[in-house]
Structure formats: C-alpha cells, structure tokens
Amino acid sequence: MISFVGAGPGAPDLITVRGMELIKNADVIVYAGSLVNPALLDYAKEGAEVYDSSRMTLEEVLDVMISAHEAGREVVRLHTGDASIYGAVREQMDRLDEQGIPYASCPGVSAAFGAAASLNLEYTLPGISQTLILTRMEGRTAVPDKEKIELLASHGASMAIYLSAGMLDELSRRLIAGGYDEDTPAAIVYKATWPEEKKIICTLKTLAAEAEKEGIRKTAIVLVGRAIEASDYERSKLYDPSFTTEFRQGSEK
C-alpha cells in the first residue's frame, strides 16, 4: 500500500496518530525535505529507506514508490501540512490509478490551523466573518482569473494566504485595492509550530515592513481579516442561555 500522509505544520507531535503509525510501519518514506520537519523521520523504524523529494522529479518519486510497492513494501509519501492543500498529490495519484496501484490518504494539520493555534485565533467570529478563504497569489504557478486576490478580498472574509511571503508589498496593495482597508488586521507566521516560529500581528499597511524587519521572506503564511483582533463580535448562539438546541431548552430573559 502507498499512503499519502499529511505531516502537519511542523511540530513533530502535531502529526495525527494515524500518520505517526503509518510512518512507523513504512519500509520506504518519500518526504518533502524542503518543508517537512526532519524530526518526523525519528518515528521511522530502523532500516527504513528515506528519500528527499525536494531533490527529485515527479517521475523519480513515482519510480521509487511504484518499485517499492511492487516489491511488497509499505510506502509513505510524506507531505507538509495537509496534502490536499498545495500538495501536488493529484498528479501522483493519477499515475498510480493508471497502473492500478492502491493508495490511501491520511489528513494532516495545515499551516492555517497551526498559525491560528499559535495566535489563539478564531477565524469565524459571529458578526465578523463566517468564511475562511485559503488561497495564494500567483507566482510561477498561475491562479484562475476568478480567484485573483482582489476579487477574493472583496468578500471581506478571513483569509489565509499561502506561498506569498516573498511578495508582501504587492499582496498588501492588491488586498487593499480589492476592498480591505489599509488598517485591516493582518498577521504573518513564519514556520508555525516549529521551534524557530516567528509571529507578527500588524495591519495590511505595515505587513511588508514588519516582515522585512524579521527577515521573513518564505515559509510563512499570511492571515488577513478583522477576526484577528476583533473585540466587537457577537456571542455564540449555541451557548446563549436563551437559545434552544437539540440538547438544551433555552430560558426566557
């Protein structure tokens, strides 16, 4: 079996229990060495073969996984965060499908949620935002026209922006052009949950300058929206004494 495993945001104890067990049982591990914390490899059993995919092409990765599978070995393809978000897994799975090779996915904690935990943040505050947009700015990988940053910014929702830390001046400009006020709260979290984590809360206006002070240019996620610092949110209906649920009868005020 080939298992695609989300490694989580960085801290080795933030991988899922299932993911940890899959690593422990793997005979071959192919991991995203440029992003995955190598401490996760400490879970691997003695004698497991380990390959760093940051130095490999798609074809080379597939050759390793398919050869190992055909030899009856357990394979883990270890991706950063959750593999369903910017993990480039579909192209691997399609090739495996072509050859009738079985595989399964194990989810992981994405950077957006590692960063939220580091900041003790709730993205979906009642009366502030009930939507979280996960996106990126276009770089060498294009973004569909209807998903341009300006259009997404027009919603005024909470946003977690991946793979854009090297373009913060442009990112801020385009978010403001799309509808956010320049004083909208923002944050940048470098290597969320890693020992070397850095976290900055600022505004869209000061985002680029604050990141530059800390030398943050990559491996960071940008968060935007009033939920980052809002204090005027509404109380949750679920725990309001006057609100009736399936499990509790509300009381009149």
C-alpha atoms as a PDB file:
ATOM      1  CA  MET A   1       0.000   0.000   0.000  1.00  0.00           C
ATOM      2  CA  ILE A   2       1.071   3.570  -0.689  1.00  0.00           C
ATOM      3  CA  SER A   3      -0.052   6.082   1.936  1.00  0.00           C
ATOM      4  CA  PHE A   4      -0.114   9.832   1.357  1.00  0.00           C
ATOM      5  CA  VAL A   5       0.382  11.347   4.804  1.00  0.00           C
ATOM      6  CA  GLY A   6      -0.024  14.947   5.938  1.00  0.00           C
ATOM      7  CA  ALA A   7       2.898  15.752   8.203  1.00  0.00           C
ATOM      8  CA  GLY A   8       1.207  18.698   9.907  1.00  0.00           C
ATOM      9  CA  PRO A   9       2.533  22.262  10.182  1.00  0.00           C
ATOM     10  CA  GLY A  10       5.907  21.471  11.707  1.00  0.00           C
ATOM     11  CA  ALA A  11       5.945  20.291  15.310  1.00  0.00           C
ATOM     12  CA  PRO A  12       6.510  16.503  15.209  1.00  0.00           C
ATOM     13  CA  ASP A  13       3.794  15.863  17.796  1.00  0.00           C
ATOM     14  CA  LEU A  14       1.184  17.594  15.631  1.00  0.00           C
ATOM     15  CA  ILE A  15       1.063  14.774  13.122  1.00  0.00           C
ATOM     16  CA  THR A  16      -2.053  12.602  13.524  1.00  0.00           C
ATOM     17  CA  VAL A  17      -1.791   9.338  15.437  1.00  0.00           C
ATOM     18  CA  ARG A  18      -2.659   7.501  12.221  1.00  0.00           C
ATOM     19  CA  GLY A  19       0.064   9.352  10.340  1.00  0.00           C
ATOM     20  CA  MET A  20       2.629   8.515  13.009  1.00  0.00           C
ATOM     21  CA  GLU A  21       1.701   4.828  12.889  1.00  0.00           C
ATOM     22  CA  LEU A  22       1.977   4.782   9.095  1.00  0.00           C
ATOM     23  CA  ILE A  23       5.483   6.253   9.328  1.00  0.00           C
ATOM     24  CA  LYS A  24       6.444   3.696  11.984  1.00  0.00           C
ATOM     25  CA  ASN A  25       5.342   0.831   9.749  1.00  0.00           C
ATOM     26  CA  ALA A  26       6.764   2.167   6.478  1.00  0.00           C
ATOM     27  CA  ASP A  27       9.572   0.393   4.665  1.00  0.00           C
ATOM     28  CA  VAL A  28      10.064   3.350   2.314  1.00  0.00           C
ATOM     29  CA  ILE A  29       9.418   7.035   3.060  1.00  0.00           C
ATOM     30  CA  VAL A  30       9.494   9.778   0.443  1.00  0.00           C
ATOM     31  CA  TYR A  31       9.245  13.131   2.197  1.00  0.00           C
ATOM     32  CA  ALA A  32       9.139  16.775   1.091  1.00  0.00           C
ATOM     33  CA  GLY A  33      12.529  17.682   2.510  1.00  0.00           C
ATOM     34  CA  SER A  34      12.276  21.402   1.799  1.00  0.00           C
ATOM     35  CA  LEU A  35       9.188  21.745   4.006  1.00  0.00           C
ATOM     36  CA  VAL A  36       8.650  18.748   6.303  1.00  0.00           C
ATOM     37  CA  ASN A  37      10.341  18.833   9.705  1.00  0.00           C
ATOM     38  CA  PRO A  38      13.004  16.083   9.552  1.00  0.00           C
ATOM     39  CA  ALA A  39      12.288  15.310  13.211  1.00  0.00           C
ATOM     40  CA  LEU A  40       9.238  13.401  11.951  1.00  0.00           C
ATOM     41  CA  LEU A  41      11.616  10.826  10.499  1.00  0.00           C
ATOM     42  CA  ASP A  42      12.516   9.873  14.061  1.00  0.00           C
ATOM     43  CA  TYR A  43       9.281   7.854  14.023  1.00  0.00           C
ATOM     44  CA  ALA A  44      10.630   5.675  11.193  1.00  0.00           C
ATOM     45  CA  LYS A  45      11.725   2.159  12.007  1.00  0.00           C
ATOM     46  CA  GLU A  46      15.339   1.071  11.769  1.00  0.00           C
ATOM     47  CA  GLY A  47      16.250   0.164   8.216  1.00  0.00           C
ATOM     48  CA  ALA A  48      13.525   2.186   6.522  1.00  0.00           C
ATOM     49  CA  GLU A  49      14.662   3.772   3.260  1.00  0.00           C
ATOM     50  CA  VAL A  50      14.197   7.553   3.189  1.00  0.00           C
ATOM     51  CA  TYR A  51      14.145   9.758   0.088  1.00  0.00           C
ATOM     52  CA  ASP A  52      14.075  13.563  -0.015  1.00  0.00           C
ATOM     53  CA  SER A  53      11.676  14.553  -2.798  1.00  0.00           C
ATOM     54  CA  SER A  54      12.962  18.149  -2.891  1.00  0.00           C
ATOM     55  CA  ARG A  55      15.833  16.784  -4.996  1.00  0.00           C
ATOM     56  CA  MET A  56      13.629  14.565  -7.176  1.00  0.00           C
ATOM     57  CA  THR A  57      11.311  14.948 -10.155  1.00  0.00           C
ATOM     58  CA  LEU A  58       7.762  13.610 -10.223  1.00  0.00           C
ATOM     59  CA  GLU A  59       8.948  10.692 -12.350  1.00  0.00           C
ATOM     60  CA  GLU A  60      11.713   9.838  -9.882  1.00  0.00           C
ATOM     61  CA  VAL A  61       9.299   9.961  -6.941  1.00  0.00           C
ATOM     62  CA  LEU A  62       6.881   7.647  -8.744  1.00  0.00           C
ATOM     63  CA  ASP A  63       9.645   5.237  -9.718  1.00  0.00           C
ATOM     64  CA  VAL A  64      10.647   4.855  -6.063  1.00  0.00           C
ATOM     65  CA  MET A  65       7.081   4.406  -4.821  1.00  0.00           C
ATOM     66  CA  ILE A  66       5.968   2.027  -7.560  1.00  0.00           C
ATOM     67  CA  SER A  67       9.101  -0.125  -7.341  1.00  0.00           C
ATOM     68  CA  ALA A  68       8.729  -0.393  -3.574  1.00  0.00           C
ATOM     69  CA  HIS A  69       5.047  -1.273  -3.864  1.00  0.00           C
ATOM     70  CA  GLU A  70       5.743  -3.968  -6.461  1.00  0.00           C
ATOM     71  CA  ALA A  71       8.311  -5.447  -4.071  1.00  0.00           C
ATOM     72  CA  GLY A  72       5.601  -5.756  -1.420  1.00  0.00           C
ATOM     73  CA  ARG A  73       6.858  -2.912   0.754  1.00  0.00           C
ATOM     74  CA  GLU A  74       4.836  -0.338   2.690  1.00  0.00           C
ATOM     75  CA  VAL A  75       5.329   3.185   1.319  1.00  0.00           C
ATOM     76  CA  VAL A  76       4.640   6.585   2.892  1.00  0.00           C
ATOM     77  CA  ARG A  77       4.618   9.723   0.788  1.00  0.00           C
ATOM     78  CA  LEU A  78       5.006  12.415   3.449  1.00  0.00           C
ATOM     79  CA  HIS A  79       3.753  15.873   2.527  1.00  0.00           C
ATOM     80  CA  THR A  80       3.822  19.062   4.589  1.00  0.00           C
ATOM     81  CA  GLY A  81       0.653  20.232   6.345  1.00  0.00           C
ATOM     82  CA  ASP A  82      -2.324  18.561   4.708  1.00  0.00           C
ATOM     83  CA  ALA A  83      -1.538  17.102   1.309  1.00  0.00           C
ATOM     84  CA  SER A  84      -4.837  18.304  -0.166  1.00  0.00           C
ATOM     85  CA  ILE A  85      -3.654  21.937   0.005  1.00  0.00           C
ATOM     86  CA  TYR A  86      -0.862  22.766  -2.466  1.00  0.00           C
ATOM     87  CA  GLY A  87       0.445  19.229  -2.084  1.00  0.00           C
ATOM     88  CA  ALA A  88       0.691  18.288  -5.794  1.00  0.00           C
ATOM     89  CA  VAL A  89      -0.792  14.894  -4.926  1.00  0.00           C
ATOM     90  CA  ARG A  90      -3.380  14.538  -7.677  1.00  0.00           C
ATOM     91  CA  GLU A  91      -0.723  14.111 -10.368  1.00  0.00           C
ATOM     92  CA  GLN A  92       0.849  11.312  -8.343  1.00  0.00           C
ATOM     93  CA  MET A  93      -2.479   9.601  -7.697  1.00  0.00           C
ATOM     94  CA  ASP A  94      -3.473   9.755 -11.362  1.00  0.00           C
ATOM     95  CA  ARG A  95      -0.323   7.877 -12.334  1.00  0.00           C
ATOM     96  CA  LEU A  96      -0.988   5.268  -9.661  1.00  0.00           C
ATOM     97  CA  ASP A  97      -4.563   4.916 -10.917  1.00  0.00           C
ATOM     98  CA  GLU A  98      -3.248   4.297 -14.442  1.00  0.00           C
ATOM     99  CA  GLN A  99      -1.270   1.344 -13.133  1.00  0.00           C
ATOM    100  CA  GLY A 100      -3.968   0.009 -10.810  1.00  0.00           C
ATOM    101  CA  ILE A 101      -1.881   0.631  -7.691  1.00  0.00           C
ATOM    102  CA  PRO A 102      -3.882   1.134  -4.465  1.00  0.00           C
ATOM    103  CA  TYR A 103      -3.259   4.110  -2.212  1.00  0.00           C
ATOM    104  CA  ALA A 104      -4.908   5.940   0.687  1.00  0.00           C
ATOM    105  CA  SER A 105      -4.701   9.408   2.215  1.00  0.00           C
ATOM    106  CA  CYS A 106      -4.145  10.422   5.829  1.00  0.00           C
ATOM    107  CA  PRO A 107      -5.046  14.055   6.573  1.00  0.00           C
ATOM    108  CA  GLY A 108      -2.791  16.492   8.380  1.00  0.00           C
ATOM    109  CA  VAL A 109      -2.988  19.831  10.159  1.00  0.00           C
ATOM    110  CA  SER A 110      -2.477  22.609   7.617  1.00  0.00           C
ATOM    111  CA  ALA A 111      -0.390  25.727   8.304  1.00  0.00           C
ATOM    112  CA  ALA A 112      -3.520  27.896   8.503  1.00  0.00           C
ATOM    113  CA  PHE A 113      -4.603  25.977  11.595  1.00  0.00           C
ATOM    114  CA  GLY A 114      -1.131  25.729  13.099  1.00  0.00           C
ATOM    115  CA  ALA A 115      -0.849  29.510  12.768  1.00  0.00           C
ATOM    116  CA  ALA A 116      -4.304  30.055  14.266  1.00  0.00           C
ATOM    117  CA  ALA A 117      -3.325  27.925  17.259  1.00  0.00           C
ATOM    118  CA  SER A 118      -0.097  29.875  17.716  1.00  0.00           C
ATOM    119  CA  LEU A 119      -2.101  33.110  17.778  1.00  0.00           C
ATOM    120  CA  ASN A 120      -5.051  31.689  19.759  1.00  0.00           C
ATOM    121  CA  LEU A 121      -7.187  32.867  16.861  1.00  0.00           C
ATOM    122  CA  GLU A 122     -10.759  32.087  15.784  1.00  0.00           C
ATOM    123  CA  TYR A 123     -11.307  32.802  12.091  1.00  0.00           C
ATOM    124  CA  THR A 124     -15.098  32.585  12.188  1.00  0.00           C
ATOM    125  CA  LEU A 125     -16.278  35.074  14.795  1.00  0.00           C
ATOM    126  CA  PRO A 126     -20.054  35.675  14.720  1.00  0.00           C
ATOM    127  CA  GLY A 127     -20.867  39.101  13.321  1.00  0.00           C
ATOM    128  CA  ILE A 128     -17.313  39.491  11.961  1.00  0.00           C
ATOM    129  CA  SER A 129     -16.692  36.686   9.491  1.00  0.00           C
ATOM    130  CA  GLN A 130     -18.208  33.273   8.884  1.00  0.00           C
ATOM    131  CA  THR A 131     -15.906  32.397   5.991  1.00  0.00           C
ATOM    132  CA  LEU A 132     -12.251  31.437   5.749  1.00  0.00           C
ATOM    133  CA  ILE A 133     -10.613  31.712   2.335  1.00  0.00           C
ATOM    134  CA  LEU A 134      -7.474  29.633   1.756  1.00  0.00           C
ATOM    135  CA  THR A 135      -5.580  30.915  -1.267  1.00  0.00           C
ATOM    136  CA  ARG A 136      -2.283  32.074  -2.736  1.00  0.00           C
ATOM    137  CA  MET A 137      -1.034  34.805  -5.045  1.00  0.00           C
ATOM    138  CA  GLU A 138       0.061  33.768  -8.479  1.00  0.00           C
ATOM    139  CA  GLY A 139       3.777  33.250  -8.960  1.00  0.00           C
ATOM    140  CA  ARG A 140       5.258  30.702 -11.299  1.00  0.00           C
ATOM    141  CA  THR A 141       2.004  28.810 -10.785  1.00  0.00           C
ATOM    142  CA  ALA A 142      -0.941  30.713 -12.265  1.00  0.00           C
ATOM    143  CA  VAL A 143      -4.222  31.431 -10.462  1.00  0.00           C
ATOM    144  CA  PRO A 144      -7.598  31.317 -12.261  1.00  0.00           C
ATOM    145  CA  ASP A 145      -8.874  34.804 -13.158  1.00  0.00           C
ATOM    146  CA  LYS A 146     -11.904  34.483 -10.875  1.00  0.00           C
ATOM    147  CA  GLU A 147      -9.605  33.687  -7.944  1.00  0.00           C
ATOM    148  CA  LYS A 148      -7.415  36.783  -8.175  1.00  0.00           C
ATOM    149  CA  ILE A 149      -6.537  38.284  -4.793  1.00  0.00           C
ATOM    150  CA  GLU A 150      -8.540  41.456  -5.468  1.00  0.00           C
ATOM    151  CA  LEU A 151     -11.731  39.504  -6.121  1.00  0.00           C
ATOM    152  CA  LEU A 152     -11.324  37.353  -3.029  1.00  0.00           C
ATOM    153  CA  ALA A 153     -10.586  40.435  -0.925  1.00  0.00           C
ATOM    154  CA  SER A 154     -13.927  41.935  -1.947  1.00  0.00           C
ATOM    155  CA  HIS A 155     -15.699  39.489   0.395  1.00  0.00           C
ATOM    156  CA  GLY A 156     -14.048  40.969   3.483  1.00  0.00           C
ATOM    157  CA  ALA A 157     -13.775  37.461   4.945  1.00  0.00           C
ATOM    158  CA  SER A 158     -10.939  35.961   6.940  1.00  0.00           C
ATOM    159  CA  MET A 159      -8.107  34.890   4.641  1.00  0.00           C
ATOM    160  CA  ALA A 160      -5.110  32.580   4.998  1.00  0.00           C
ATOM    161  CA  ILE A 161      -2.680  33.206   2.166  1.00  0.00           C
ATOM    162  CA  TYR A 162      -0.048  30.598   1.369  1.00  0.00           C
ATOM    163  CA  LEU A 163       3.117  30.776  -0.730  1.00  0.00           C
ATOM    164  CA  SER A 164       3.137  34.569  -0.937  1.00  0.00           C
ATOM    165  CA  ALA A 165       5.572  35.724   1.755  1.00  0.00           C
ATOM    166  CA  GLY A 166       8.095  36.887  -0.837  1.00  0.00           C
ATOM    167  CA  MET A 167       5.590  39.296  -2.431  1.00  0.00           C
ATOM    168  CA  LEU A 168       4.167  41.167   0.550  1.00  0.00           C
ATOM    169  CA  ASP A 169       4.270  44.683  -0.922  1.00  0.00           C
ATOM    170  CA  GLU A 170       2.247  43.531  -3.915  1.00  0.00           C
ATOM    171  CA  LEU A 171      -0.008  41.346  -1.777  1.00  0.00           C
ATOM    172  CA  SER A 172      -0.925  44.226   0.549  1.00  0.00           C
ATOM    173  CA  ARG A 173      -1.503  46.597  -2.348  1.00  0.00           C
ATOM    174  CA  ARG A 174      -3.815  44.177  -4.099  1.00  0.00           C
ATOM    175  CA  LEU A 175      -5.749  43.259  -0.955  1.00  0.00           C
ATOM    176  CA  ILE A 176      -6.380  46.950  -0.288  1.00  0.00           C
ATOM    177  CA  ALA A 177      -7.343  47.508  -3.920  1.00  0.00           C
ATOM    178  CA  GLY A 178      -9.818  44.653  -3.584  1.00  0.00           C
ATOM    179  CA  GLY A 179     -11.675  46.168  -0.655  1.00  0.00           C
ATOM    180  CA  TYR A 180      -9.834  45.725   2.632  1.00  0.00           C
ATOM    181  CA  ASP A 181      -8.990  48.924   4.482  1.00  0.00           C
ATOM    182  CA  GLU A 182      -5.270  49.526   4.905  1.00  0.00           C
ATOM    183  CA  ASP A 183      -5.742  49.274   8.670  1.00  0.00           C
ATOM    184  CA  THR A 184      -7.293  45.807   8.421  1.00  0.00           C
ATOM    185  CA  PRO A 185      -5.578  43.497  10.934  1.00  0.00           C
ATOM    186  CA  ALA A 186      -3.057  41.112   9.436  1.00  0.00           C
ATOM    187  CA  ALA A 187      -0.546  38.597  10.714  1.00  0.00           C
ATOM    188  CA  ILE A 188       2.374  36.682   9.312  1.00  0.00           C
ATOM    189  CA  VAL A 189       3.526  33.459  10.935  1.00  0.00           C
ATOM    190  CA  TYR A 190       6.873  32.019   9.948  1.00  0.00           C
ATOM    191  CA  LYS A 191       7.238  28.257  10.385  1.00  0.00           C
ATOM    192  CA  ALA A 192       4.126  27.912  12.517  1.00  0.00           C
ATOM    193  CA  THR A 193       4.622  25.445  15.416  1.00  0.00           C
ATOM    194  CA  TRP A 194       8.344  24.938  14.672  1.00  0.00           C
ATOM    195  CA  PRO A 195      10.882  25.814  17.419  1.00  0.00           C
ATOM    196  CA  GLU A 196      12.012  28.792  15.301  1.00  0.00           C
ATOM    197  CA  GLU A 197       8.471  30.098  14.781  1.00  0.00           C
ATOM    198  CA  LYS A 198       8.020  33.857  14.438  1.00  0.00           C
ATOM    199  CA  LYS A 199       4.633  35.555  14.577  1.00  0.00           C
ATOM    200  CA  ILE A 200       3.773  39.170  13.887  1.00  0.00           C
ATOM    201  CA  ILE A 201       0.408  40.897  14.222  1.00  0.00           C
ATOM    202  CA  CYS A 202       0.176  44.127  12.263  1.00  0.00           C
ATOM    203  CA  THR A 203      -2.017  45.723   9.587  1.00  0.00           C
ATOM    204  CA  LEU A 204      -2.087  45.431   5.820  1.00  0.00           C
ATOM    205  CA  LYS A 205      -0.353  48.803   5.655  1.00  0.00           C
ATOM    206  CA  THR A 206       2.594  47.646   7.793  1.00  0.00           C
ATOM    207  CA  LEU A 207       2.714  43.969   6.786  1.00  0.00           C
ATOM    208  CA  ALA A 208       5.645  44.129   4.361  1.00  0.00           C
ATOM    209  CA  ALA A 209       7.770  46.373   6.587  1.00  0.00           C
ATOM    210  CA  GLU A 210       7.187  44.272   9.711  1.00  0.00           C
ATOM    211  CA  ALA A 211       8.093  41.072   7.880  1.00  0.00           C
ATOM    212  CA  GLU A 212      11.220  42.681   6.471  1.00  0.00           C
ATOM    213  CA  LYS A 213      12.349  43.644   9.986  1.00  0.00           C
ATOM    214  CA  GLU A 214      12.256  39.967  10.946  1.00  0.00           C
ATOM    215  CA  GLY A 215      13.803  38.757   7.684  1.00  0.00           C
ATOM    216  CA  ILE A 216      10.711  36.759   6.754  1.00  0.00           C
ATOM    217  CA  ARG A 217      10.640  36.072   3.014  1.00  0.00           C
ATOM    218  CA  LYS A 218       9.425  32.477   2.732  1.00  0.00           C
ATOM    219  CA  THR A 219       7.985  29.516   4.678  1.00  0.00           C
ATOM    220  CA  ALA A 220       5.325  31.742   6.202  1.00  0.00           C
ATOM    221  CA  ILE A 221       1.563  32.136   6.000  1.00  0.00           C
ATOM    222  CA  VAL A 222      -0.225  35.486   5.876  1.00  0.00           C
ATOM    223  CA  LEU A 223      -3.530  35.936   7.703  1.00  0.00           C
ATOM    224  CA  VAL A 224      -5.905  38.814   6.988  1.00  0.00           C
ATOM    225  CA  GLY A 225      -9.219  39.950   8.408  1.00  0.00           C
ATOM    226  CA  ARG A 226     -10.989  41.652  11.278  1.00  0.00           C
ATOM    227  CA  ALA A 227     -11.213  38.351  13.177  1.00  0.00           C
ATOM    228  CA  ILE A 228      -7.509  38.654  14.005  1.00  0.00           C
ATOM    229  CA  GLU A 229      -8.116  41.429  16.522  1.00  0.00           C
ATOM    230  CA  ALA A 230     -11.891  41.946  16.695  1.00  0.00           C
ATOM    231  CA  SER A 231     -13.446  42.530  20.108  1.00  0.00           C
ATOM    232  CA  ASP A 232     -16.935  43.539  18.921  1.00  0.00           C
ATOM    233  CA  TYR A 233     -18.034  40.071  17.818  1.00  0.00           C
ATOM    234  CA  GLU A 234     -21.405  38.579  18.709  1.00  0.00           C
ATOM    235  CA  ARG A 235     -21.861  35.928  21.356  1.00  0.00           C
ATOM    236  CA  SER A 236     -22.278  32.367  20.067  1.00  0.00           C
ATOM    237  CA  LYS A 237     -25.926  31.343  19.831  1.00  0.00           C
ATOM    238  CA  LEU A 238     -25.033  27.771  20.739  1.00  0.00           C
ATOM    239  CA  TYR A 239     -24.111  28.714  24.312  1.00  0.00           C
ATOM    240  CA  ASP A 240     -26.596  31.558  24.772  1.00  0.00           C
ATOM    241  CA  PRO A 241     -28.950  30.743  27.694  1.00  0.00           C
ATOM    242  CA  SER A 242     -31.953  31.883  25.641  1.00  0.00           C
ATOM    243  CA  PHE A 243     -31.145  29.695  22.639  1.00  0.00           C
ATOM    244  CA  THR A 244     -32.865  26.305  22.369  1.00  0.00           C
ATOM    245  CA  THR A 245     -30.904  23.421  20.865  1.00  0.00           C
ATOM    246  CA  GLU A 246     -31.496  19.701  20.381  1.00  0.00           C
ATOM    247  CA  PHE A 247     -29.838  19.126  23.739  1.00  0.00           C
ATOM    248  CA  ARG A 248     -30.951  22.107  25.866  1.00  0.00           C
ATOM    249  CA  GLN A 249     -34.094  24.182  26.313  1.00  0.00           C
ATOM    250  CA  GLY A 250     -33.461  27.914  26.217  1.00  0.00           C
ATOM    251  CA  SER A 251     -34.713  30.114  29.015  1.00  0.00           C
ATOM    252  CA  GLU A 252     -36.564  33.380  28.608  1.00  0.00           C
ATOM    253  CA  LYS A 253     -34.672  36.507  29.562  1.00  0.00           C
END
